[in-house]
Amino acid sequence: MQRISVVGTSGSGKSTLSRRLADALGMPHVELDALHWGPDWAAATAGDLQQLVAEATRGDAWVVDGNYESKLGRLVWDRADTVVWVDPPRWLVMWRSLTRVLGRILTREELWGSNRESWRALMFWRGEESILWWAWTTYPQNRRRNLAAMDDPANAHLTFHRLRTTAEVERFLAGVDRDTTGRRSER
């Protein structure tokens, strides 16, 4: 477990898990949202994002957080040895998305590219501008895609971990510990 891709729907908890996992393993954390979003929510082109991700995953050990399959294709998974799929129930994804956006709006938290969440993120009827709409509509798509990926022969080199509950996430993290070489490994 040296090159790890953490995936899941927006609001699933993948960024939190990724940061904790990277810290526990002493590995760089690569947040795809930070590479994708520029000032004024300008999205990176597929080519630019691929170049940034290729550079960020050149090393022997990393934790990548995010999906972006439509722009990255198999770039991350072809380099990875492990996929951690954070797959909580849909109601929990929606609750986390709502509370996260509200918190960011109220605190004016600065995000990637100096962006900030706006009240539009809560307006379901605004389609892709709404994180609530995005989380709701991509949840079943992500689930179908990740279930199929687990059985895809192209992913035979990957070890999959599907974490559905907070307890499963905590057990997974508890299984990560230092081995005798000073590197950390899964128990």
N, C-alpha and C. Protein backbone atom coordinates (compact mmCIF):
# COMPACT_ATOMS: atom_id res chain seq x y z
N MET A 1 0.85 -1.17 0.00
CA MET A 1 0.00 0.00 0.00
C MET A 1 0.90 1.23 0.00
N GLN A 2 1.36 1.58 -1.21
CA GLN A 2 2.27 2.72 -1.37
C GLN A 2 1.70 3.82 -2.26
N ARG A 3 0.87 3.44 -3.22
CA ARG A 3 0.28 4.39 -4.16
C ARG A 3 -1.23 4.20 -4.08
N ILE A 4 -1.89 5.11 -3.38
CA ILE A 4 -3.27 4.91 -2.97
C ILE A 4 -4.19 5.94 -3.62
N SER A 5 -5.26 5.46 -4.22
CA SER A 5 -6.31 6.32 -4.76
C SER A 5 -7.52 6.20 -3.86
N VAL A 6 -7.97 7.32 -3.32
CA VAL A 6 -9.17 7.34 -2.47
C VAL A 6 -10.28 7.99 -3.28
N VAL A 7 -11.36 7.24 -3.48
CA VAL A 7 -12.47 7.71 -4.31
C VAL A 7 -13.77 7.66 -3.52
N GLY A 8 -14.77 8.36 -4.03
CA GLY A 8 -16.09 8.38 -3.41
C GLY A 8 -16.83 9.62 -3.88
N THR A 9 -18.12 9.61 -3.68
CA THR A 9 -18.96 10.73 -4.05
C THR A 9 -18.62 11.96 -3.22
N SER A 10 -18.88 13.14 -3.75
CA SER A 10 -18.72 14.38 -2.98
C SER A 10 -19.48 14.24 -1.67
N GLY A 11 -18.81 14.55 -0.56
CA GLY A 11 -19.44 14.45 0.75
C GLY A 11 -19.30 13.09 1.40
N SER A 12 -18.60 12.17 0.76
CA SER A 12 -18.46 10.81 1.31
C SER A 12 -17.46 10.75 2.46
N GLY A 13 -16.54 11.69 2.49
CA GLY A 13 -15.49 11.68 3.51
C GLY A 13 -14.13 11.31 2.96
N LYS A 14 -13.99 11.29 1.63
CA LYS A 14 -12.73 10.86 1.03
C LYS A 14 -11.57 11.81 1.31
N SER A 15 -11.83 13.12 1.34
CA SER A 15 -10.73 14.07 1.61
C SER A 15 -10.24 13.94 3.05
N THR A 16 -11.17 13.81 3.97
CA THR A 16 -10.78 13.64 5.38
C THR A 16 -9.98 12.36 5.56
N LEU A 17 -10.47 11.26 4.99
CA LEU A 17 -9.76 9.99 5.08
C LEU A 17 -8.38 10.10 4.41
N SER A 18 -8.32 10.73 3.25
CA SER A 18 -7.05 10.85 2.52
C SER A 18 -6.01 11.60 3.32
N ARG A 19 -6.42 12.71 3.92
CA ARG A 19 -5.47 13.48 4.74
C ARG A 19 -4.97 12.65 5.92
N ARG A 20 -5.89 11.96 6.59
CA ARG A 20 -5.50 11.14 7.74
C ARG A 20 -4.60 9.99 7.32
N LEU A 21 -4.92 9.37 6.19
CA LEU A 21 -4.13 8.24 5.69
C LEU A 21 -2.73 8.70 5.28
N ALA A 22 -2.65 9.80 4.54
CA ALA A 22 -1.35 10.33 4.12
C ALA A 22 -0.50 10.68 5.34
N ASP A 23 -1.12 11.28 6.34
CA ASP A 23 -0.40 11.63 7.55
C ASP A 23 0.09 10.38 8.28
N ALA A 24 -0.78 9.38 8.40
CA ALA A 24 -0.41 8.14 9.09
C ALA A 24 0.72 7.40 8.38
N LEU A 25 0.73 7.47 7.05
CA LEU A 25 1.73 6.75 6.27
C LEU A 25 2.96 7.61 5.95
N GLY A 26 2.91 8.88 6.28
CA GLY A 26 4.02 9.77 5.96
C GLY A 26 4.21 9.96 4.47
N MET A 27 3.10 10.01 3.74
CA MET A 27 3.12 10.15 2.28
C MET A 27 2.55 11.49 1.86
N PRO A 28 2.92 11.96 0.66
CA PRO A 28 2.29 13.17 0.14
C PRO A 28 0.80 12.94 -0.12
N HIS A 29 0.00 13.97 0.16
CA HIS A 29 -1.43 13.95 -0.13
C HIS A 29 -1.67 14.80 -1.37
N VAL A 30 -2.26 14.21 -2.39
CA VAL A 30 -2.55 14.90 -3.64
C VAL A 30 -4.06 15.07 -3.72
N GLU A 31 -4.53 16.30 -3.59
CA GLU A 31 -5.96 16.58 -3.64
C GLU A 31 -6.32 17.03 -5.05
N LEU A 32 -7.06 16.20 -5.77
CA LEU A 32 -7.38 16.51 -7.16
C LEU A 32 -8.16 17.80 -7.31
N ASP A 33 -9.05 18.11 -6.36
CA ASP A 33 -9.78 19.38 -6.43
C ASP A 33 -8.82 20.57 -6.47
N ALA A 34 -7.74 20.49 -5.70
CA ALA A 34 -6.77 21.59 -5.65
C ALA A 34 -6.05 21.76 -6.98
N LEU A 35 -5.87 20.66 -7.71
CA LEU A 35 -5.22 20.72 -9.02
C LEU A 35 -6.21 21.14 -10.11
N HIS A 36 -7.47 20.81 -9.92
CA HIS A 36 -8.50 21.04 -10.93
C HIS A 36 -9.05 22.47 -10.93
N TRP A 37 -9.25 23.05 -9.74
CA TRP A 37 -9.93 24.34 -9.65
C TRP A 37 -8.95 25.50 -9.55
N GLY A 38 -9.11 26.46 -10.47
CA GLY A 38 -8.33 27.69 -10.44
C GLY A 38 -9.18 28.84 -9.92
N PRO A 39 -8.65 30.06 -9.97
CA PRO A 39 -9.42 31.23 -9.52
C PRO A 39 -10.75 31.35 -10.27
N ASP A 40 -11.75 31.86 -9.58
CA ASP A 40 -13.10 32.04 -10.13
C ASP A 40 -13.70 30.72 -10.61
N TRP A 41 -13.35 29.64 -9.94
CA TRP A 41 -13.84 28.29 -10.25
C TRP A 41 -13.54 27.89 -11.69
N ALA A 42 -12.44 28.37 -12.24
CA ALA A 42 -12.03 27.96 -13.59
C ALA A 42 -11.46 26.55 -13.51
N ALA A 43 -12.04 25.66 -14.30
CA ALA A 43 -11.62 24.25 -14.29
C ALA A 43 -10.41 24.05 -15.21
N ALA A 44 -9.48 23.25 -14.77
CA ALA A 44 -8.33 22.89 -15.60
C ALA A 44 -8.81 22.07 -16.79
N THR A 45 -8.14 22.21 -17.91
CA THR A 45 -8.45 21.35 -19.05
C THR A 45 -8.00 19.93 -18.73
N ALA A 46 -8.51 18.98 -19.48
CA ALA A 46 -8.11 17.59 -19.27
C ALA A 46 -6.60 17.44 -19.41
N GLY A 47 -6.02 18.06 -20.44
CA GLY A 47 -4.58 17.96 -20.66
C GLY A 47 -3.77 18.56 -19.52
N ASP A 48 -4.19 19.73 -19.05
CA ASP A 48 -3.47 20.38 -17.94
C ASP A 48 -3.59 19.54 -16.66
N LEU A 49 -4.79 19.04 -16.39
CA LEU A 49 -4.98 18.24 -15.18
C LEU A 49 -4.17 16.95 -15.26
N GLN A 50 -4.15 16.31 -16.42
CA GLN A 50 -3.35 15.09 -16.58
C GLN A 50 -1.88 15.36 -16.31
N GLN A 51 -1.37 16.48 -16.81
CA GLN A 51 0.04 16.82 -16.61
C GLN A 51 0.32 17.06 -15.12
N LEU A 52 -0.54 17.81 -14.45
CA LEU A 52 -0.36 18.08 -13.02
C LEU A 52 -0.40 16.80 -12.19
N VAL A 53 -1.34 15.92 -12.52
CA VAL A 53 -1.48 14.67 -11.77
C VAL A 53 -0.30 13.74 -12.06
N ALA A 54 0.14 13.69 -13.31
CA ALA A 54 1.31 12.86 -13.65
C ALA A 54 2.53 13.30 -12.84
N GLU A 55 2.72 14.60 -12.72
CA GLU A 55 3.84 15.12 -11.93
C GLU A 55 3.68 14.78 -10.45
N ALA A 56 2.46 14.93 -9.94
CA ALA A 56 2.22 14.70 -8.51
C ALA A 56 2.32 13.23 -8.12
N THR A 57 2.14 12.33 -9.09
CA THR A 57 2.18 10.89 -8.80
C THR A 57 3.44 10.22 -9.34
N ARG A 58 4.46 11.00 -9.62
CA ARG A 58 5.72 10.45 -10.11
C ARG A 58 6.45 9.61 -9.06
N GLY A 59 6.28 9.97 -7.81
CA GLY A 59 7.01 9.30 -6.74
C GLY A 59 6.52 7.88 -6.48
N ASP A 60 7.20 7.23 -5.56
CA ASP A 60 6.89 5.84 -5.21
C ASP A 60 5.77 5.71 -4.20
N ALA A 61 5.41 6.80 -3.53
CA ALA A 61 4.39 6.72 -2.48
C ALA A 61 3.57 8.00 -2.46
N TRP A 62 2.24 7.86 -2.45
CA TRP A 62 1.34 9.00 -2.42
C TRP A 62 -0.08 8.53 -2.11
N VAL A 63 -0.90 9.48 -1.71
CA VAL A 63 -2.33 9.26 -1.52
C VAL A 63 -3.05 10.31 -2.36
N VAL A 64 -3.78 9.86 -3.38
CA VAL A 64 -4.54 10.76 -4.25
C VAL A 64 -6.00 10.72 -3.82
N ASP A 65 -6.58 11.90 -3.72
CA ASP A 65 -7.94 12.06 -3.23
C ASP A 65 -8.79 12.67 -4.33
N GLY A 66 -9.75 11.91 -4.85
CA GLY A 66 -10.67 12.45 -5.84
C GLY A 66 -10.95 11.48 -6.97
N ASN A 67 -11.88 11.87 -7.82
CA ASN A 67 -12.34 11.02 -8.91
C ASN A 67 -11.82 11.52 -10.26
N TYR A 68 -12.51 12.44 -10.89
CA TYR A 68 -12.11 13.07 -12.16
C TYR A 68 -11.80 12.06 -13.27
N GLU A 69 -12.49 10.94 -13.27
CA GLU A 69 -12.25 9.92 -14.29
C GLU A 69 -12.48 10.46 -15.70
N SER A 70 -13.45 11.37 -15.86
CA SER A 70 -13.74 11.89 -17.20
C SER A 70 -12.57 12.69 -17.77
N LYS A 71 -11.74 13.27 -16.92
CA LYS A 71 -10.58 14.03 -17.40
C LYS A 71 -9.28 13.26 -17.28
N LEU A 72 -9.22 12.32 -16.35
CA LEU A 72 -7.95 11.61 -16.10
C LEU A 72 -7.92 10.20 -16.67
N GLY A 73 -9.08 9.66 -17.01
CA GLY A 73 -9.10 8.27 -17.48
C GLY A 73 -8.50 7.36 -16.42
N ARG A 74 -7.58 6.51 -16.83
CA ARG A 74 -6.97 5.53 -15.93
C ARG A 74 -5.63 6.00 -15.35
N LEU A 75 -5.29 7.25 -15.55
CA LEU A 75 -3.98 7.76 -15.14
C LEU A 75 -3.63 7.40 -13.70
N VAL A 76 -4.51 7.69 -12.76
CA VAL A 76 -4.21 7.43 -11.35
C VAL A 76 -4.24 5.94 -11.06
N TRP A 77 -5.26 5.25 -11.50
CA TRP A 77 -5.40 3.82 -11.17
C TRP A 77 -4.33 2.97 -11.83
N ASP A 78 -3.84 3.35 -13.00
CA ASP A 78 -2.75 2.58 -13.62
C ASP A 78 -1.46 2.70 -12.81
N ARG A 79 -1.30 3.79 -12.08
CA ARG A 79 -0.10 3.99 -11.25
C ARG A 79 -0.31 3.49 -9.82
N ALA A 80 -1.55 3.36 -9.40
CA ALA A 80 -1.86 3.00 -8.01
C ALA A 80 -1.67 1.50 -7.77
N ASP A 81 -1.54 1.14 -6.49
CA ASP A 81 -1.58 -0.27 -6.10
C ASP A 81 -2.79 -0.55 -5.21
N THR A 82 -3.43 0.51 -4.72
CA THR A 82 -4.56 0.36 -3.80
C THR A 82 -5.63 1.40 -4.12
N VAL A 83 -6.89 0.98 -4.06
CA VAL A 83 -8.02 1.90 -4.17
C VAL A 83 -8.84 1.77 -2.89
N VAL A 84 -9.08 2.89 -2.25
CA VAL A 84 -9.96 2.94 -1.09
C VAL A 84 -11.22 3.68 -1.52
N TRP A 85 -12.34 2.97 -1.51
CA TRP A 85 -13.62 3.54 -1.93
C TRP A 85 -14.42 3.86 -0.68
N VAL A 86 -14.65 5.14 -0.42
CA VAL A 86 -15.47 5.57 0.71
C VAL A 86 -16.91 5.62 0.20
N ASP A 87 -17.75 4.71 0.72
CA ASP A 87 -19.09 4.49 0.18
C ASP A 87 -20.15 4.47 1.28
N PRO A 88 -20.35 5.61 1.97
CA PRO A 88 -21.39 5.63 3.00
C PRO A 88 -22.78 5.70 2.38
N PRO A 89 -23.82 5.53 3.18
CA PRO A 89 -25.19 5.64 2.65
C PRO A 89 -25.45 7.03 2.06
N ARG A 90 -26.38 7.07 1.13
CA ARG A 90 -26.67 8.32 0.43
C ARG A 90 -27.11 9.43 1.40
N TRP A 91 -27.93 9.09 2.39
CA TRP A 91 -28.40 10.11 3.33
C TRP A 91 -27.22 10.77 4.05
N LEU A 92 -26.19 9.98 4.38
CA LEU A 92 -25.03 10.53 5.08
C LEU A 92 -24.21 11.43 4.15
N VAL A 93 -24.08 11.03 2.89
CA VAL A 93 -23.39 11.86 1.90
C VAL A 93 -24.09 13.21 1.79
N MET A 94 -25.42 13.19 1.72
CA MET A 94 -26.17 14.43 1.59
C MET A 94 -26.03 15.30 2.85
N TRP A 95 -26.11 14.68 4.02
CA TRP A 95 -25.95 15.43 5.27
C TRP A 95 -24.56 16.06 5.35
N ARG A 96 -23.54 15.29 5.03
CA ARG A 96 -22.17 15.82 5.07
C ARG A 96 -21.98 16.95 4.06
N SER A 97 -22.56 16.78 2.87
CA SER A 97 -22.45 17.83 1.85
C SER A 97 -23.11 19.12 2.33
N LEU A 98 -24.30 18.99 2.89
CA LEU A 98 -25.04 20.16 3.38
C LEU A 98 -24.27 20.86 4.50
N THR A 99 -23.84 20.11 5.50
CA THR A 99 -23.16 20.73 6.64
C THR A 99 -21.79 21.30 6.24
N ARG A 100 -21.11 20.64 5.32
CA ARG A 100 -19.82 21.15 4.86
C ARG A 100 -19.99 22.48 4.13
N VAL A 101 -20.95 22.54 3.21
CA VAL A 101 -21.17 23.77 2.45
C VAL A 101 -21.61 24.90 3.38
N LEU A 102 -22.54 24.62 4.28
CA LEU A 102 -22.98 25.65 5.22
C LEU A 102 -21.80 26.18 6.05
N GLY A 103 -20.99 25.27 6.54
CA GLY A 103 -19.82 25.68 7.32
C GLY A 103 -18.87 26.54 6.51
N ARG A 104 -18.63 26.16 5.27
CA ARG A 104 -17.73 26.94 4.41
C ARG A 104 -18.30 28.31 4.09
N ILE A 105 -19.61 28.38 3.86
CA ILE A 105 -20.24 29.67 3.57
C ILE A 105 -20.16 30.58 4.78
N LEU A 106 -20.51 30.06 5.94
CA LEU A 106 -20.55 30.87 7.15
C LEU A 106 -19.17 31.33 7.61
N THR A 107 -18.16 30.50 7.40
CA THR A 107 -16.80 30.87 7.83
C THR A 107 -16.01 31.56 6.73
N ARG A 108 -16.56 31.58 5.51
CA ARG A 108 -15.88 32.16 4.34
C ARG A 108 -14.54 31.46 4.10
N GLU A 109 -14.53 30.16 4.34
CA GLU A 109 -13.32 29.36 4.16
C GLU A 109 -12.81 29.49 2.73
N GLU A 110 -11.51 29.74 2.60
CA GLU A 110 -10.90 29.83 1.28
C GLU A 110 -10.56 28.42 0.79
N LEU A 111 -11.00 28.14 -0.42
CA LEU A 111 -10.78 26.83 -1.02
C LEU A 111 -9.73 26.95 -2.11
N TRP A 112 -9.64 25.95 -2.94
CA TRP A 112 -8.67 25.88 -4.03
C TRP A 112 -8.83 27.08 -4.95
N GLY A 113 -7.71 27.60 -5.42
CA GLY A 113 -7.74 28.73 -6.34
C GLY A 113 -8.31 29.99 -5.72
N SER A 114 -8.25 30.10 -4.40
CA SER A 114 -8.80 31.25 -3.65
C SER A 114 -10.31 31.37 -3.80
N ASN A 115 -10.98 30.28 -4.11
CA ASN A 115 -12.44 30.28 -4.25
C ASN A 115 -13.11 30.13 -2.90
N ARG A 116 -14.38 30.49 -2.86
CA ARG A 116 -15.21 30.31 -1.67
C ARG A 116 -16.56 29.76 -2.11
N GLU A 117 -17.15 28.95 -1.25
CA GLU A 117 -18.50 28.44 -1.53
C GLU A 117 -19.48 29.61 -1.46
N SER A 118 -20.54 29.51 -2.26
CA SER A 118 -21.60 30.52 -2.21
C SER A 118 -22.93 29.81 -1.94
N TRP A 119 -23.94 30.62 -1.70
CA TRP A 119 -25.26 30.04 -1.43
C TRP A 119 -25.76 29.22 -2.62
N ARG A 120 -25.23 29.46 -3.82
CA ARG A 120 -25.63 28.67 -4.99
C ARG A 120 -25.36 27.18 -4.79
N ALA A 121 -24.34 26.88 -4.00
CA ALA A 121 -23.98 25.48 -3.76
C ALA A 121 -25.11 24.71 -3.10
N LEU A 122 -26.03 25.43 -2.45
CA LEU A 122 -27.17 24.79 -1.78
C LEU A 122 -28.41 24.72 -2.65
N MET A 123 -28.42 25.42 -3.77
CA MET A 123 -29.61 25.52 -4.61
C MET A 123 -29.68 24.35 -5.58
N PHE A 124 -30.39 23.32 -5.16
CA PHE A 124 -30.49 22.07 -5.90
C PHE A 124 -30.90 22.30 -7.35
N TRP A 125 -31.82 23.24 -7.57
CA TRP A 125 -32.35 23.49 -8.91
C TRP A 125 -31.34 24.14 -9.85
N ARG A 126 -30.16 24.52 -9.36
CA ARG A 126 -29.14 25.13 -10.22
C ARG A 126 -28.26 24.07 -10.88
N GLY A 127 -28.63 22.82 -10.74
CA GLY A 127 -27.90 21.75 -11.41
C GLY A 127 -26.47 21.63 -10.93
N GLU A 128 -25.54 21.53 -11.87
CA GLU A 128 -24.13 21.29 -11.54
C GLU A 128 -23.50 22.38 -10.67
N GLU A 129 -24.10 23.54 -10.58
CA GLU A 129 -23.58 24.58 -9.69
C GLU A 129 -23.82 24.24 -8.22
N SER A 130 -24.72 23.31 -7.96
CA SER A 130 -25.08 22.93 -6.60
C SER A 130 -24.36 21.65 -6.19
N ILE A 131 -23.60 21.72 -5.10
CA ILE A 131 -22.93 20.52 -4.61
C ILE A 131 -23.97 19.50 -4.15
N LEU A 132 -25.12 19.96 -3.68
CA LEU A 132 -26.18 19.03 -3.27
C LEU A 132 -26.71 18.26 -4.48
N TRP A 133 -26.96 18.97 -5.57
CA TRP A 133 -27.40 18.31 -6.80
C TRP A 133 -26.33 17.33 -7.27
N TRP A 134 -25.07 17.78 -7.26
CA TRP A 134 -23.96 16.96 -7.73
C TRP A 134 -23.84 15.68 -6.91
N ALA A 135 -23.88 15.81 -5.59
CA ALA A 135 -23.76 14.63 -4.72
C ALA A 135 -24.93 13.68 -4.94
N TRP A 136 -26.14 14.20 -5.08
CA TRP A 136 -27.32 13.37 -5.25
C TRP A 136 -27.27 12.61 -6.58
N THR A 137 -26.93 13.31 -7.66
CA THR A 137 -26.98 12.69 -8.98
C THR A 137 -25.79 11.78 -9.27
N THR A 138 -24.63 12.09 -8.72
CA THR A 138 -23.46 11.25 -9.00
C THR A 138 -23.35 10.04 -8.08
N TYR A 139 -24.09 10.03 -6.98
CA TYR A 139 -24.01 8.92 -6.03
C TYR A 139 -24.27 7.56 -6.71
N PRO A 140 -25.40 7.37 -7.41
CA PRO A 140 -25.62 6.05 -8.04
C PRO A 140 -24.64 5.76 -9.17
N GLN A 141 -24.23 6.78 -9.91
CA GLN A 141 -23.26 6.59 -11.00
C GLN A 141 -21.92 6.11 -10.44
N ASN A 142 -21.46 6.77 -9.39
CA ASN A 142 -20.18 6.38 -8.77
C ASN A 142 -20.25 4.96 -8.22
N ARG A 143 -21.37 4.63 -7.62
CA ARG A 143 -21.52 3.30 -7.04
C ARG A 143 -21.45 2.23 -8.15
N ARG A 144 -22.19 2.44 -9.23
CA ARG A 144 -22.15 1.48 -10.35
C ARG A 144 -20.74 1.36 -10.92
N ARG A 145 -20.10 2.50 -11.15
CA ARG A 145 -18.76 2.50 -11.73
C ARG A 145 -17.76 1.78 -10.82
N ASN A 146 -17.78 2.06 -9.53
CA ASN A 146 -16.81 1.46 -8.62
C ASN A 146 -17.08 -0.02 -8.40
N LEU A 147 -18.35 -0.42 -8.36
CA LEU A 147 -18.65 -1.86 -8.25
C LEU A 147 -18.12 -2.61 -9.47
N ALA A 148 -18.34 -2.04 -10.66
CA ALA A 148 -17.84 -2.67 -11.88
C ALA A 148 -16.31 -2.70 -11.90
N ALA A 149 -15.69 -1.63 -11.42
CA ALA A 149 -14.22 -1.54 -11.41
C ALA A 149 -13.59 -2.63 -10.55
N MET A 150 -14.27 -3.01 -9.48
CA MET A 150 -13.72 -4.03 -8.58
C MET A 150 -13.59 -5.39 -9.29
N ASP A 151 -14.43 -5.62 -10.30
CA ASP A 151 -14.41 -6.89 -11.02
C ASP A 151 -13.72 -6.80 -12.38
N ASP A 152 -13.26 -5.62 -12.75
CA ASP A 152 -12.64 -5.40 -14.06
C ASP A 152 -11.23 -5.98 -14.08
N PRO A 153 -10.92 -6.88 -15.04
CA PRO A 153 -9.57 -7.46 -15.13
C PRO A 153 -8.47 -6.40 -15.30
N ALA A 154 -8.81 -5.23 -15.85
CA ALA A 154 -7.82 -4.17 -16.00
C ALA A 154 -7.34 -3.65 -14.65
N ASN A 155 -8.09 -3.97 -13.59
CA ASN A 155 -7.74 -3.52 -12.25
C ASN A 155 -7.20 -4.65 -11.37
N ALA A 156 -6.75 -5.73 -11.99
CA ALA A 156 -6.26 -6.88 -11.23
C ALA A 156 -5.07 -6.53 -10.35
N HIS A 157 -4.32 -5.50 -10.73
CA HIS A 157 -3.14 -5.09 -9.95
C HIS A 157 -3.51 -4.28 -8.70
N LEU A 158 -4.78 -3.93 -8.56
CA LEU A 158 -5.23 -3.08 -7.46
C LEU A 158 -5.84 -3.89 -6.32
N THR A 159 -5.56 -3.47 -5.10
CA THR A 159 -6.26 -3.99 -3.93
C THR A 159 -7.34 -2.98 -3.59
N PHE A 160 -8.59 -3.44 -3.54
CA PHE A 160 -9.72 -2.55 -3.25
C PHE A 160 -10.13 -2.68 -1.78
N HIS A 161 -10.45 -1.55 -1.18
CA HIS A 161 -11.03 -1.50 0.16
C HIS A 161 -12.29 -0.65 0.03
N ARG A 162 -13.45 -1.25 0.28
CA ARG A 162 -14.72 -0.51 0.25
C ARG A 162 -15.15 -0.26 1.69
N LEU A 163 -15.24 1.00 2.06
CA LEU A 163 -15.56 1.39 3.43
C LEU A 163 -16.93 2.06 3.44
N ARG A 164 -17.90 1.41 4.10
CA ARG A 164 -19.29 1.88 4.05
C ARG A 164 -19.74 2.63 5.29
N THR A 165 -19.04 2.48 6.38
CA THR A 165 -19.46 3.13 7.62
C THR A 165 -18.28 3.85 8.26
N THR A 166 -18.59 4.74 9.17
CA THR A 166 -17.54 5.44 9.91
C THR A 166 -16.71 4.43 10.69
N ALA A 167 -17.36 3.41 11.23
CA ALA A 167 -16.63 2.38 11.98
C ALA A 167 -15.65 1.64 11.07
N GLU A 168 -16.05 1.35 9.83
CA GLU A 168 -15.13 0.69 8.89
C GLU A 168 -13.96 1.59 8.54
N VAL A 169 -14.21 2.88 8.39
CA VAL A 169 -13.12 3.83 8.12
C VAL A 169 -12.14 3.84 9.29
N GLU A 170 -12.66 3.90 10.50
CA GLU A 170 -11.79 3.93 11.69
C GLU A 170 -11.00 2.63 11.83
N ARG A 171 -11.63 1.49 11.56
CA ARG A 171 -10.91 0.20 11.62
C ARG A 171 -9.81 0.15 10.57
N PHE A 172 -10.11 0.65 9.38
CA PHE A 172 -9.11 0.68 8.32
C PHE A 172 -7.91 1.52 8.74
N LEU A 173 -8.17 2.71 9.26
CA LEU A 173 -7.08 3.59 9.70
C LEU A 173 -6.32 2.99 10.87
N ALA A 174 -7.01 2.30 11.74
CA ALA A 174 -6.34 1.67 12.89
C ALA A 174 -5.40 0.55 12.43
N GLY A 175 -5.66 -0.01 11.25
CA GLY A 175 -4.82 -1.07 10.71
C GLY A 175 -3.55 -0.57 10.06
N VAL A 176 -3.38 0.73 10.02
CA VAL A 176 -2.19 1.33 9.43
C VAL A 176 -1.23 1.66 10.57
N ASP A 177 -0.03 1.09 10.50
CA ASP A 177 0.93 1.28 11.59
C ASP A 177 2.34 1.20 11.05
N ARG A 178 3.29 1.69 11.81
CA ARG A 178 4.70 1.64 11.39
C ARG A 178 5.21 0.20 11.43
N ASP A 179 5.95 -0.17 10.38
CA ASP A 179 6.65 -1.46 10.45
C ASP A 179 8.09 -1.18 10.88
N THR A 180 8.92 -2.18 10.91
CA THR A 180 10.27 -2.04 11.47
C THR A 180 11.20 -1.21 10.61
N THR A 181 10.86 -0.97 9.35
CA THR A 181 11.73 -0.17 8.48
C THR A 181 11.48 1.32 8.64
N GLY A 182 10.50 1.68 9.44
CA GLY A 182 10.17 3.09 9.60
C GLY A 182 9.07 3.53 8.66
N ARG A 183 8.83 2.76 7.61
CA ARG A 183 7.70 3.04 6.73
C ARG A 183 6.47 2.51 7.40
N ARG A 184 5.35 2.98 7.00
CA ARG A 184 4.12 2.46 7.58
C ARG A 184 3.48 1.50 6.60
N SER A 185 2.82 0.52 7.13
CA SER A 185 2.18 -0.46 6.26
C SER A 185 0.86 -0.90 6.87
N GLU A 186 0.05 -1.56 6.06
CA GLU A 186 -1.24 -2.05 6.54
C GLU A 186 -1.03 -3.30 7.38
N ARG A 187 -1.69 -3.38 8.53
CA ARG A 187 -1.64 -4.56 9.39
C ARG A 187 -2.62 -5.59 8.94
